[in-house]
């Protein structure tokens, strides 16, 4: 399991970097990664371009059998992501780790 924190809003100019960094982390491990937790406490906005990138990441996660959870997100960010069709979430990092490790998320 990887826990990843991004310290900026997600928008067209950094969405590609975000995806590249996450996929590099997934590929750099010797053991297969089965889950990733995104700490979104540093993200206050996600634009349309970034949401499209997140949807691409979601498809790549499915291809690799990686489950994902988003934690510590502002309500506004969760609402934006839901509008774009992304509904990954958990209340806290501990809840996400527990749910992902038991297969309940």
C-alpha atoms as a PDB file:
ATOM      1  CA  UNK A   1       0.000   0.000   0.000  1.00  0.00           C
ATOM      2  CA  UNK A   2       1.205   3.499  -0.825  1.00  0.00           C
ATOM      3  CA  UNK A   3       0.081   6.655   0.973  1.00  0.00           C
ATOM      4  CA  UNK A   4       0.638   9.726  -1.203  1.00  0.00           C
ATOM      5  CA  UNK A   5       0.154  13.409  -0.444  1.00  0.00           C
ATOM      6  CA  UNK A   6      -0.003  16.151  -3.067  1.00  0.00           C
ATOM      7  CA  UNK A   7       0.448  19.712  -1.784  1.00  0.00           C
ATOM      8  CA  UNK A   8      -1.248  21.772  -4.500  1.00  0.00           C
ATOM      9  CA  UNK A   9      -4.516  22.193  -6.328  1.00  0.00           C
ATOM     10  CA  UNK A  10      -4.887  19.879  -9.308  1.00  0.00           C
ATOM     11  CA  UNK A  11      -5.243  21.698 -12.604  1.00  0.00           C
ATOM     12  CA  UNK A  12      -4.214  21.451 -16.255  1.00  0.00           C
ATOM     13  CA  UNK A  13      -0.601  22.549 -15.648  1.00  0.00           C
ATOM     14  CA  UNK A  14       0.282  19.937 -13.006  1.00  0.00           C
ATOM     15  CA  UNK A  15      -2.148  17.055 -13.622  1.00  0.00           C
ATOM     16  CA  UNK A  16       0.267  15.236 -15.931  1.00  0.00           C
ATOM     17  CA  UNK A  17       3.052  15.538 -13.370  1.00  0.00           C
ATOM     18  CA  UNK A  18       0.718  14.218 -10.672  1.00  0.00           C
ATOM     19  CA  UNK A  19      -0.185  11.162 -12.759  1.00  0.00           C
ATOM     20  CA  UNK A  20       3.426  10.507 -13.802  1.00  0.00           C
ATOM     21  CA  UNK A  21       4.586  10.672 -10.186  1.00  0.00           C
ATOM     22  CA  UNK A  22       1.881   8.299  -8.947  1.00  0.00           C
ATOM     23  CA  UNK A  23       2.453   5.780 -11.738  1.00  0.00           C
ATOM     24  CA  UNK A  24       6.211   5.952 -11.146  1.00  0.00           C
ATOM     25  CA  UNK A  25       5.628   5.134  -7.472  1.00  0.00           C
ATOM     26  CA  UNK A  26       3.438   2.178  -8.425  1.00  0.00           C
ATOM     27  CA  UNK A  27       6.074   0.855 -10.822  1.00  0.00           C
ATOM     28  CA  UNK A  28       9.095   1.463  -8.579  1.00  0.00           C
ATOM     29  CA  UNK A  29       8.217  -1.076  -5.905  1.00  0.00           C
ATOM     30  CA  UNK A  30       9.510  -4.635  -5.926  1.00  0.00           C
ATOM     31  CA  UNK A  31       6.292  -6.009  -4.439  1.00  0.00           C
ATOM     32  CA  UNK A  32       3.007  -5.409  -6.250  1.00  0.00           C
ATOM     33  CA  UNK A  33       1.002  -2.474  -4.936  1.00  0.00           C
ATOM     34  CA  UNK A  34      -2.633  -3.344  -4.308  1.00  0.00           C
ATOM     35  CA  UNK A  35      -3.845  -0.038  -2.846  1.00  0.00           C
ATOM     36  CA  UNK A  36      -3.058   3.656  -2.827  1.00  0.00           C
ATOM     37  CA  UNK A  37      -4.348   6.269  -0.381  1.00  0.00           C
ATOM     38  CA  UNK A  38      -4.344   9.889  -1.530  1.00  0.00           C
ATOM     39  CA  UNK A  39      -4.081  12.462   1.247  1.00  0.00           C
ATOM     40  CA  UNK A  40      -5.920  15.408  -0.309  1.00  0.00           C
ATOM     41  CA  UNK A  41      -5.568  17.831   2.601  1.00  0.00           C
ATOM     42  CA  UNK A  42      -3.390  20.105   0.434  1.00  0.00           C
ATOM     43  CA  UNK A  43      -5.860  20.200  -2.483  1.00  0.00           C
ATOM     44  CA  UNK A  44      -8.578  22.847  -2.510  1.00  0.00           C
ATOM     45  CA  UNK A  45      -9.587  22.697  -6.189  1.00  0.00           C
ATOM     46  CA  UNK A  46      -9.619  20.247  -9.099  1.00  0.00           C
ATOM     47  CA  UNK A  47     -10.261  21.576 -12.609  1.00  0.00           C
ATOM     48  CA  UNK A  48     -11.782  19.717 -15.556  1.00  0.00           C
ATOM     49  CA  UNK A  49      -8.424  18.779 -17.117  1.00  0.00           C
ATOM     50  CA  UNK A  50      -7.167  17.333 -13.840  1.00  0.00           C
ATOM     51  CA  UNK A  51     -10.416  15.402 -13.388  1.00  0.00           C
ATOM     52  CA  UNK A  52      -9.928  13.824 -16.822  1.00  0.00           C
ATOM     53  CA  UNK A  53      -6.415  12.836 -15.735  1.00  0.00           C
ATOM     54  CA  UNK A  54      -7.818  11.303 -12.541  1.00  0.00           C
ATOM     55  CA  UNK A  55     -10.298   9.288 -14.621  1.00  0.00           C
ATOM     56  CA  UNK A  56      -7.375   7.998 -16.713  1.00  0.00           C
ATOM     57  CA  UNK A  57      -5.559   7.077 -13.506  1.00  0.00           C
ATOM     58  CA  UNK A  58      -8.652   5.278 -12.261  1.00  0.00           C
ATOM     59  CA  UNK A  59      -8.656   3.173 -15.453  1.00  0.00           C
ATOM     60  CA  UNK A  60      -4.952   2.426 -15.017  1.00  0.00           C
ATOM     61  CA  UNK A  61      -5.537   1.427 -11.383  1.00  0.00           C
ATOM     62  CA  UNK A  62      -8.265  -0.979 -12.516  1.00  0.00           C
ATOM     63  CA  UNK A  63      -5.905  -2.456 -15.115  1.00  0.00           C
ATOM     64  CA  UNK A  64      -3.288  -3.019 -12.395  1.00  0.00           C
ATOM     65  CA  UNK A  65      -5.829  -4.214  -9.793  1.00  0.00           C
ATOM     66  CA  UNK A  66      -4.998  -1.293  -7.500  1.00  0.00           C
ATOM     67  CA  UNK A  67      -7.739   0.076  -5.238  1.00  0.00           C
ATOM     68  CA  UNK A  68      -7.680   3.779  -4.373  1.00  0.00           C
ATOM     69  CA  UNK A  69      -9.032   5.974  -1.604  1.00  0.00           C
ATOM     70  CA  UNK A  70      -9.049   9.731  -1.142  1.00  0.00           C
ATOM     71  CA  UNK A  71      -8.800  11.048   2.406  1.00  0.00           C
ATOM     72  CA  UNK A  72      -8.757  14.412   4.164  1.00  0.00           C
ATOM     73  CA  UNK A  73     -10.448  16.113   1.206  1.00  0.00           C
ATOM     74  CA  UNK A  74     -12.499  19.248   1.616  1.00  0.00           C
ATOM     75  CA  UNK A  75     -16.227  18.800   1.013  1.00  0.00           C
ATOM     76  CA  UNK A  76     -15.947  21.119  -2.007  1.00  0.00           C
ATOM     77  CA  UNK A  77     -13.258  18.894  -3.535  1.00  0.00           C
ATOM     78  CA  UNK A  78     -15.330  15.755  -2.951  1.00  0.00           C
ATOM     79  CA  UNK A  79     -18.313  17.461  -4.595  1.00  0.00           C
ATOM     80  CA  UNK A  80     -16.197  18.499  -7.597  1.00  0.00           C
ATOM     81  CA  UNK A  81     -14.839  14.975  -8.000  1.00  0.00           C
ATOM     82  CA  UNK A  82     -18.333  13.493  -7.740  1.00  0.00           C
ATOM     83  CA  UNK A  83     -19.516  15.850 -10.517  1.00  0.00           C
ATOM     84  CA  UNK A  84     -16.702  14.501 -12.699  1.00  0.00           C
ATOM     85  CA  UNK A  85     -17.691  10.905 -11.905  1.00  0.00           C
ATOM     86  CA  UNK A  86     -14.985  10.125  -9.334  1.00  0.00           C
ATOM     87  CA  UNK A  87     -16.230   8.734  -6.045  1.00  0.00           C
ATOM     88  CA  UNK A  88     -13.193   7.434  -4.200  1.00  0.00           C
ATOM     89  CA  UNK A  89     -13.241   8.284  -0.559  1.00  0.00           C
ATOM     90  CA  UNK A  90     -12.878   7.484   3.082  1.00  0.00           C
ATOM     91  CA  UNK A  91     -13.169   9.589   6.198  1.00  0.00           C
ATOM     92  CA  UNK A  92      -9.641   9.308   7.573  1.00  0.00           C
ATOM     93  CA  UNK A  93      -6.322   7.789   6.637  1.00  0.00           C
ATOM     94  CA  UNK A  94      -6.787   5.071   9.274  1.00  0.00           C
ATOM     95  CA  UNK A  95     -10.251   4.235   7.894  1.00  0.00           C
ATOM     96  CA  UNK A  96      -8.848   4.051   4.355  1.00  0.00           C
ATOM     97  CA  UNK A  97      -5.910   1.845   5.337  1.00  0.00           C
ATOM     98  CA  UNK A  98      -8.228  -0.485   7.267  1.00  0.00           C
ATOM     99  CA  UNK A  99     -10.771  -0.656   4.440  1.00  0.00           C
ATOM    100  CA  UNK A 100      -8.186  -1.152   1.704  1.00  0.00           C
ATOM    101  CA  UNK A 101      -6.218  -3.771   3.592  1.00  0.00           C
ATOM    102  CA  UNK A 102      -9.354  -5.816   4.290  1.00  0.00           C
ATOM    103  CA  UNK A 103     -10.765  -5.372   0.780  1.00  0.00           C
ATOM    104  CA  UNK A 104     -13.783  -3.366   1.955  1.00  0.00           C
ATOM    105  CA  UNK A 105     -13.130  -0.373  -0.278  1.00  0.00           C
END
